[in-house]
Amino acid sequence: MEIDLESEMKLSRRELRVLLLHEFRLGRKATKATSNICGTMGKDVLSIRTAQHWFHRFKNGSFELDDLPHTGRLLEVDMDLLKQLIEQDPRLTTKCLAERLGCFQITVETHLHEIGKSWKYGVWIPHELSPIQLQQRLMLVWN
């Protein structure tokens, strides 16, 4: 049975952190640990900067390997609530919607685009053309 050392293994973040902790406890430097892990698990499995970050945490006595809960704004939005807010008041700005939904303004913009809404004349409208608008565009192209 041949082993393909060129293919990268899919490791979870926690598994990578366990490997980093092992390398740290062996007394290695972050760059050497990165070289060892990438040499074994795949070329781009880990960056030196990530290894340095975790070695710094280990050096300061923080050995928690799981992701800690983050504070801040959400990256995901309740699409039903977003649609409901737009239907109730189509003049709400992305800033106002972001404040109400507790997320970033760009997140609201992205989700509005996903549901086919665009901001025109101070109101959110469907991005799709009506049959009449589509016919008018075709007439302009043909003439």
Protein backbone atom coordinates (compact mmCIF):
# COMPACT_ATOMS: atom_id res chain seq x y z
CA MET A 1 0.00 0.00 0.00
CA GLU A 2 1.46 3.35 -1.08
CA ILE A 3 0.98 6.52 0.93
CA ASP A 4 0.49 9.76 -0.97
CA LEU A 5 2.42 12.35 1.03
CA GLU A 6 1.48 15.12 -1.40
CA SER A 7 -2.24 15.03 -0.64
CA GLU A 8 -3.48 17.13 2.25
CA MET A 9 -5.38 15.60 5.12
CA LYS A 10 -8.58 17.23 6.25
CA LEU A 11 -7.99 18.14 9.86
CA SER A 12 -10.34 20.01 12.12
CA ARG A 13 -9.12 23.15 13.83
CA ARG A 14 -9.05 21.29 17.12
CA GLU A 15 -6.92 18.49 15.67
CA LEU A 16 -4.42 21.05 14.36
CA ARG A 17 -4.31 22.68 17.78
CA VAL A 18 -3.63 19.32 19.42
CA LEU A 19 -0.69 18.84 17.06
CA LEU A 20 0.55 22.35 17.86
CA LEU A 21 0.26 21.69 21.60
CA HIS A 22 2.25 18.47 21.15
CA GLU A 23 4.97 20.35 19.27
CA PHE A 24 4.96 23.09 21.95
CA ARG A 25 5.38 20.53 24.74
CA LEU A 26 8.31 18.99 22.84
CA GLY A 27 9.98 22.42 23.13
CA ARG A 28 9.94 23.24 19.44
CA LYS A 29 9.57 26.71 17.93
CA ALA A 30 6.42 27.67 16.00
CA THR A 31 8.21 27.71 12.64
CA LYS A 32 9.66 24.23 13.19
CA ALA A 33 6.26 22.97 14.35
CA THR A 34 4.65 24.37 11.20
CA SER A 35 7.30 22.69 9.08
CA ASN A 36 6.76 19.35 10.84
CA ILE A 37 2.96 19.48 10.64
CA CYS A 38 2.85 20.66 7.02
CA GLY A 39 5.46 18.08 6.07
CA THR A 40 3.30 15.31 7.52
CA MET A 41 -0.25 16.50 6.96
CA GLY A 42 -0.01 18.58 3.79
CA LYS A 43 1.76 21.62 2.43
CA ASP A 44 -0.79 24.33 3.27
CA VAL A 45 -2.52 22.82 6.28
CA LEU A 46 -1.16 25.44 8.68
CA SER A 47 0.36 28.90 8.43
CA ILE A 48 3.35 30.03 10.47
CA ARG A 49 1.31 32.94 11.80
CA THR A 50 -1.39 30.60 13.14
CA ALA A 51 1.25 28.46 14.83
CA GLN A 52 2.84 31.56 16.37
CA HIS A 53 -0.56 32.69 17.66
CA TRP A 54 -1.20 29.34 19.38
CA PHE A 55 2.35 29.06 20.75
CA HIS A 56 1.89 32.52 22.28
CA ARG A 57 -1.34 31.34 23.94
CA PHE A 58 0.32 28.17 25.22
CA LYS A 59 3.27 30.19 26.56
CA ASN A 60 0.80 32.38 28.48
CA GLY A 61 -0.81 29.31 30.06
CA SER A 62 -3.94 29.11 27.91
CA PHE A 63 -4.34 25.50 26.81
CA GLU A 64 -8.02 25.67 25.75
CA LEU A 65 -8.11 24.14 22.26
CA ASP A 66 -11.78 24.62 21.43
CA ASP A 67 -13.12 27.76 19.78
CA LEU A 68 -14.37 30.18 22.37
CA PRO A 69 -17.69 31.90 21.82
CA HIS A 70 -17.25 35.18 20.00
CA THR A 71 -18.91 38.43 20.85
CA GLY A 72 -19.97 40.87 18.22
CA ARG A 73 -22.39 40.93 15.38
CA LEU A 74 -23.85 37.95 13.58
CA LEU A 75 -22.66 36.93 10.13
CA GLU A 76 -25.92 35.14 9.41
CA VAL A 77 -29.36 36.70 9.25
CA ASP A 78 -32.82 35.32 9.85
CA MET A 79 -34.04 35.53 6.24
CA ASP A 80 -37.72 35.33 7.21
CA LEU A 81 -37.34 38.26 9.59
CA LEU A 82 -35.42 40.24 6.95
CA LYS A 83 -38.17 39.64 4.38
CA GLN A 84 -40.81 40.59 6.95
CA LEU A 85 -39.03 43.86 7.81
CA ILE A 86 -38.71 44.77 4.11
CA GLU A 87 -42.38 44.02 3.47
CA GLN A 88 -43.45 46.11 6.47
CA ASP A 89 -41.29 49.08 5.50
CA PRO A 90 -39.47 48.94 2.14
CA ARG A 91 -37.78 52.28 2.91
CA LEU A 92 -35.59 50.85 5.69
CA THR A 93 -31.90 51.36 4.96
CA THR A 94 -29.30 48.61 5.29
CA LYS A 95 -27.92 50.43 8.33
CA CYS A 96 -31.31 50.42 10.03
CA LEU A 97 -31.92 46.77 9.08
CA ALA A 98 -28.49 45.80 10.42
CA GLU A 99 -29.22 47.50 13.74
CA ARG A 100 -32.57 45.74 14.05
CA LEU A 101 -31.14 42.34 13.11
CA GLY A 102 -27.95 42.74 15.13
CA CYS A 103 -25.57 42.04 12.25
CA PHE A 104 -23.19 43.85 9.92
CA GLN A 105 -24.51 46.16 7.22
CA ILE A 106 -22.67 44.23 4.50
CA THR A 107 -24.35 41.03 5.73
CA VAL A 108 -27.76 42.63 5.20
CA GLU A 109 -26.73 43.84 1.72
CA THR A 110 -25.53 40.37 0.77
CA HIS A 111 -28.73 38.69 1.95
CA LEU A 112 -30.95 41.27 0.26
CA HIS A 113 -29.10 40.61 -2.98
CA GLU A 114 -29.59 36.86 -2.45
CA ILE A 115 -33.36 37.30 -2.19
CA GLY A 116 -33.37 39.47 -5.31
CA LYS A 117 -33.90 42.91 -3.79
CA SER A 118 -32.18 46.09 -4.92
CA TRP A 119 -32.29 49.67 -3.61
CA LYS A 120 -33.89 52.04 -6.12
CA TYR A 121 -35.40 55.45 -5.50
CA GLY A 122 -35.18 55.01 -1.72
CA VAL A 123 -37.07 51.73 -1.57
CA TRP A 124 -36.25 48.01 -1.76
CA ILE A 125 -37.75 46.48 -4.89
CA PRO A 126 -37.51 43.10 -6.59
CA HIS A 127 -34.49 42.97 -8.86
CA GLU A 128 -36.33 41.02 -11.54
CA LEU A 129 -37.92 42.82 -14.45
CA SER A 130 -41.67 42.71 -14.91
CA PRO A 131 -42.91 41.23 -18.22
CA ILE A 132 -43.61 44.75 -19.54
CA GLN A 133 -40.12 45.98 -18.58
CA LEU A 134 -38.56 42.92 -20.18
CA GLN A 135 -40.54 43.51 -23.39
CA GLN A 136 -39.47 47.18 -23.44
CA ARG A 137 -35.81 46.19 -23.07
CA LEU A 138 -36.10 43.68 -25.89
CA MET A 139 -37.74 46.31 -28.11
CA LEU A 140 -34.85 48.71 -27.41
CA VAL A 141 -32.29 46.04 -28.31
CA TRP A 142 -34.05 45.10 -31.55
CA ASN A 143 -34.41 48.71 -32.72
